[in-house]
Amino acid sequence: MNFRKATDELTTSITLEDLATALGVSVQAVRQARAQEGSAGFRRPPQGWERAVVKLVEARAHHYQRFAAKLRSSLE
């Protein structure tokens, strides 16, 4: 693995699009739920957002664990 590929993997992040897909809502709905409470654009967060966030975090953690193992094996 080269430096560019390794750093590309390292710097990937969960996007609003990923969250919207996990919630089954539009990106706009996610943006509105993230708006300042009390603002005209604010909407309540989608139902089940907590579970969706946990799943995304766990998947990302698993991704990084596999990535670390791959990097570690290349050092040997």
N, C-alpha and C. Protein backbone atom coordinates (compact mmCIF):
# COMPACT_ATOMS: atom_id res chain seq x y z
N MET A 1 0.85 -1.17 0.00
CA MET A 1 0.00 0.00 0.00
C MET A 1 0.89 1.23 0.00
N ASN A 2 0.52 2.22 -0.81
CA ASN A 2 1.33 3.43 -0.86
C ASN A 2 0.73 4.53 0.04
N PHE A 3 1.50 5.59 0.20
CA PHE A 3 1.12 6.68 1.10
C PHE A 3 -0.23 7.28 0.71
N ARG A 4 -0.40 7.52 -0.58
CA ARG A 4 -1.65 8.16 -1.02
C ARG A 4 -2.86 7.29 -0.69
N LYS A 5 -2.79 6.00 -1.00
CA LYS A 5 -3.91 5.10 -0.72
C LYS A 5 -4.17 5.02 0.78
N ALA A 6 -3.10 4.94 1.56
CA ALA A 6 -3.25 4.85 3.02
C ALA A 6 -3.90 6.11 3.59
N THR A 7 -3.46 7.27 3.12
CA THR A 7 -4.03 8.50 3.66
C THR A 7 -5.44 8.76 3.13
N ASP A 8 -5.75 8.28 1.92
CA ASP A 8 -7.13 8.36 1.43
C ASP A 8 -8.05 7.56 2.34
N GLU A 9 -7.63 6.35 2.70
CA GLU A 9 -8.42 5.51 3.61
C GLU A 9 -8.56 6.16 4.98
N LEU A 10 -7.48 6.73 5.46
CA LEU A 10 -7.47 7.33 6.78
C LEU A 10 -8.41 8.53 6.87
N THR A 11 -8.51 9.28 5.81
CA THR A 11 -9.27 10.53 5.88
C THR A 11 -10.70 10.43 5.34
N THR A 12 -11.16 9.21 5.10
CA THR A 12 -12.57 9.08 4.68
C THR A 12 -13.45 9.39 5.88
N SER A 13 -14.60 9.94 5.59
CA SER A 13 -15.50 10.28 6.69
C SER A 13 -16.94 9.93 6.31
N ILE A 14 -17.78 9.92 7.30
CA ILE A 14 -19.20 9.70 7.09
C ILE A 14 -19.80 11.02 6.62
N THR A 15 -20.55 10.97 5.55
CA THR A 15 -21.12 12.18 4.97
C THR A 15 -22.59 12.33 5.37
N LEU A 16 -23.12 13.51 5.10
CA LEU A 16 -24.56 13.70 5.31
C LEU A 16 -25.35 12.78 4.39
N GLU A 17 -24.81 12.49 3.22
CA GLU A 17 -25.46 11.57 2.30
C GLU A 17 -25.54 10.17 2.91
N ASP A 18 -24.45 9.72 3.56
CA ASP A 18 -24.44 8.42 4.23
C ASP A 18 -25.51 8.37 5.31
N LEU A 19 -25.59 9.43 6.10
CA LEU A 19 -26.57 9.48 7.17
C LEU A 19 -27.99 9.50 6.62
N ALA A 20 -28.22 10.28 5.58
CA ALA A 20 -29.55 10.34 4.97
C ALA A 20 -29.97 8.97 4.45
N THR A 21 -29.05 8.28 3.81
CA THR A 21 -29.35 6.94 3.30
C THR A 21 -29.69 5.99 4.44
N ALA A 22 -28.90 6.03 5.51
CA ALA A 22 -29.14 5.15 6.66
C ALA A 22 -30.49 5.44 7.31
N LEU A 23 -30.92 6.68 7.26
CA LEU A 23 -32.20 7.08 7.85
C LEU A 23 -33.37 6.95 6.90
N GLY A 24 -33.08 6.78 5.62
CA GLY A 24 -34.14 6.71 4.63
C GLY A 24 -34.83 8.04 4.40
N VAL A 25 -34.05 9.12 4.53
CA VAL A 25 -34.59 10.47 4.32
C VAL A 25 -33.69 11.21 3.33
N SER A 26 -34.08 12.40 2.98
CA SER A 26 -33.27 13.22 2.08
C SER A 26 -32.14 13.90 2.84
N VAL A 27 -31.13 14.30 2.09
CA VAL A 27 -30.04 15.08 2.68
C VAL A 27 -30.60 16.38 3.24
N GLN A 28 -31.57 16.96 2.56
CA GLN A 28 -32.18 18.20 3.05
C GLN A 28 -32.82 18.00 4.41
N ALA A 29 -33.46 16.86 4.63
CA ALA A 29 -34.07 16.58 5.95
C ALA A 29 -33.00 16.51 7.03
N VAL A 30 -31.85 15.94 6.69
CA VAL A 30 -30.74 15.88 7.66
C VAL A 30 -30.23 17.29 7.94
N ARG A 31 -30.06 18.08 6.91
CA ARG A 31 -29.59 19.47 7.09
C ARG A 31 -30.56 20.27 7.97
N GLN A 32 -31.85 20.09 7.74
CA GLN A 32 -32.84 20.82 8.53
C GLN A 32 -32.80 20.36 9.99
N ALA A 33 -32.59 19.09 10.22
CA ALA A 33 -32.52 18.58 11.60
C ALA A 33 -31.25 19.07 12.30
N ARG A 34 -30.25 19.42 11.53
CA ARG A 34 -29.00 19.94 12.10
C ARG A 34 -29.03 21.45 12.31
N ALA A 35 -30.04 22.11 11.77
CA ALA A 35 -30.14 23.57 11.90
C ALA A 35 -30.33 23.95 13.37
N GLN A 36 -30.05 25.18 13.65
CA GLN A 36 -30.22 25.70 15.01
C GLN A 36 -31.69 25.59 15.42
N GLU A 37 -31.94 25.00 16.59
CA GLU A 37 -33.32 24.93 17.08
C GLU A 37 -33.88 26.34 17.20
N GLY A 38 -35.11 26.49 16.80
CA GLY A 38 -35.75 27.79 16.85
C GLY A 38 -35.62 28.57 15.55
N SER A 39 -34.73 28.14 14.68
CA SER A 39 -34.61 28.82 13.39
C SER A 39 -35.75 28.39 12.48
N ALA A 40 -36.01 29.18 11.46
CA ALA A 40 -37.11 28.90 10.54
C ALA A 40 -36.91 27.57 9.81
N GLY A 41 -35.68 27.20 9.57
CA GLY A 41 -35.40 25.98 8.81
C GLY A 41 -35.32 24.71 9.64
N PHE A 42 -35.38 24.84 10.95
CA PHE A 42 -35.21 23.67 11.82
C PHE A 42 -36.38 22.70 11.69
N ARG A 43 -36.06 21.42 11.61
CA ARG A 43 -37.05 20.35 11.66
C ARG A 43 -36.56 19.32 12.66
N ARG A 44 -37.49 18.60 13.24
CA ARG A 44 -37.11 17.56 14.21
C ARG A 44 -36.27 16.49 13.52
N PRO A 45 -35.31 15.91 14.24
CA PRO A 45 -34.50 14.84 13.66
C PRO A 45 -35.39 13.64 13.28
N PRO A 46 -34.98 12.92 12.24
CA PRO A 46 -35.75 11.75 11.84
C PRO A 46 -35.82 10.72 12.96
N GLN A 47 -36.93 10.03 13.02
CA GLN A 47 -37.10 8.98 14.03
C GLN A 47 -36.03 7.91 13.80
N GLY A 48 -35.47 7.42 14.89
CA GLY A 48 -34.46 6.36 14.82
C GLY A 48 -33.06 6.85 14.50
N TRP A 49 -32.85 8.15 14.60
CA TRP A 49 -31.54 8.68 14.24
C TRP A 49 -30.43 8.13 15.11
N GLU A 50 -30.73 7.89 16.38
CA GLU A 50 -29.69 7.41 17.30
C GLU A 50 -29.14 6.05 16.84
N ARG A 51 -30.05 5.13 16.51
CA ARG A 51 -29.61 3.80 16.06
C ARG A 51 -28.82 3.89 14.75
N ALA A 52 -29.29 4.75 13.86
CA ALA A 52 -28.59 4.91 12.58
C ALA A 52 -27.18 5.43 12.79
N VAL A 53 -27.02 6.39 13.70
CA VAL A 53 -25.69 6.94 13.98
C VAL A 53 -24.80 5.87 14.60
N VAL A 54 -25.33 5.11 15.52
CA VAL A 54 -24.55 4.03 16.14
C VAL A 54 -24.07 3.05 15.08
N LYS A 55 -24.95 2.64 14.18
CA LYS A 55 -24.57 1.70 13.12
C LYS A 55 -23.47 2.27 12.23
N LEU A 56 -23.61 3.53 11.86
CA LEU A 56 -22.58 4.16 11.03
C LEU A 56 -21.24 4.24 11.76
N VAL A 57 -21.27 4.59 13.03
CA VAL A 57 -20.03 4.67 13.82
C VAL A 57 -19.39 3.29 13.95
N GLU A 58 -20.20 2.29 14.25
CA GLU A 58 -19.66 0.93 14.38
C GLU A 58 -19.06 0.44 13.06
N ALA A 59 -19.74 0.73 11.95
CA ALA A 59 -19.20 0.33 10.65
C ALA A 59 -17.88 1.04 10.36
N ARG A 60 -17.80 2.32 10.71
CA ARG A 60 -16.55 3.07 10.49
C ARG A 60 -15.44 2.52 11.38
N ALA A 61 -15.77 2.21 12.62
CA ALA A 61 -14.78 1.64 13.54
C ALA A 61 -14.27 0.31 13.00
N HIS A 62 -15.17 -0.52 12.50
CA HIS A 62 -14.77 -1.80 11.92
C HIS A 62 -13.88 -1.58 10.70
N HIS A 63 -14.23 -0.61 9.89
CA HIS A 63 -13.41 -0.26 8.72
C HIS A 63 -11.98 0.08 9.16
N TYR A 64 -11.85 0.93 10.18
CA TYR A 64 -10.52 1.33 10.64
C TYR A 64 -9.77 0.19 11.31
N GLN A 65 -10.47 -0.71 11.98
CA GLN A 65 -9.79 -1.87 12.58
C GLN A 65 -9.20 -2.75 11.48
N ARG A 66 -9.98 -3.00 10.42
CA ARG A 66 -9.47 -3.80 9.30
C ARG A 66 -8.31 -3.09 8.61
N PHE A 67 -8.43 -1.79 8.45
CA PHE A 67 -7.39 -0.99 7.82
C PHE A 67 -6.10 -1.04 8.64
N ALA A 68 -6.22 -0.90 9.95
CA ALA A 68 -5.04 -0.97 10.83
C ALA A 68 -4.37 -2.34 10.73
N ALA A 69 -5.17 -3.38 10.70
CA ALA A 69 -4.61 -4.73 10.59
C ALA A 69 -3.86 -4.90 9.26
N LYS A 70 -4.42 -4.36 8.20
CA LYS A 70 -3.77 -4.43 6.88
C LYS A 70 -2.45 -3.67 6.90
N LEU A 71 -2.45 -2.49 7.48
CA LEU A 71 -1.20 -1.71 7.57
C LEU A 71 -0.16 -2.41 8.43
N ARG A 72 -0.64 -2.95 9.57
CA ARG A 72 0.26 -3.64 10.48
C ARG A 72 0.93 -4.82 9.78
N SER A 73 0.16 -5.58 9.02
CA SER A 73 0.73 -6.75 8.34
C SER A 73 1.74 -6.35 7.28
N SER A 74 1.58 -5.17 6.70
CA SER A 74 2.55 -4.71 5.69
C SER A 74 3.87 -4.29 6.32
N LEU A 75 3.87 -4.05 7.63
CA LEU A 75 5.10 -3.67 8.33
C LEU A 75 5.99 -4.87 8.62
N GLU A 76 5.39 -6.03 8.62
CA GLU A 76 6.13 -7.25 8.99
C GLU A 76 6.88 -7.85 7.84
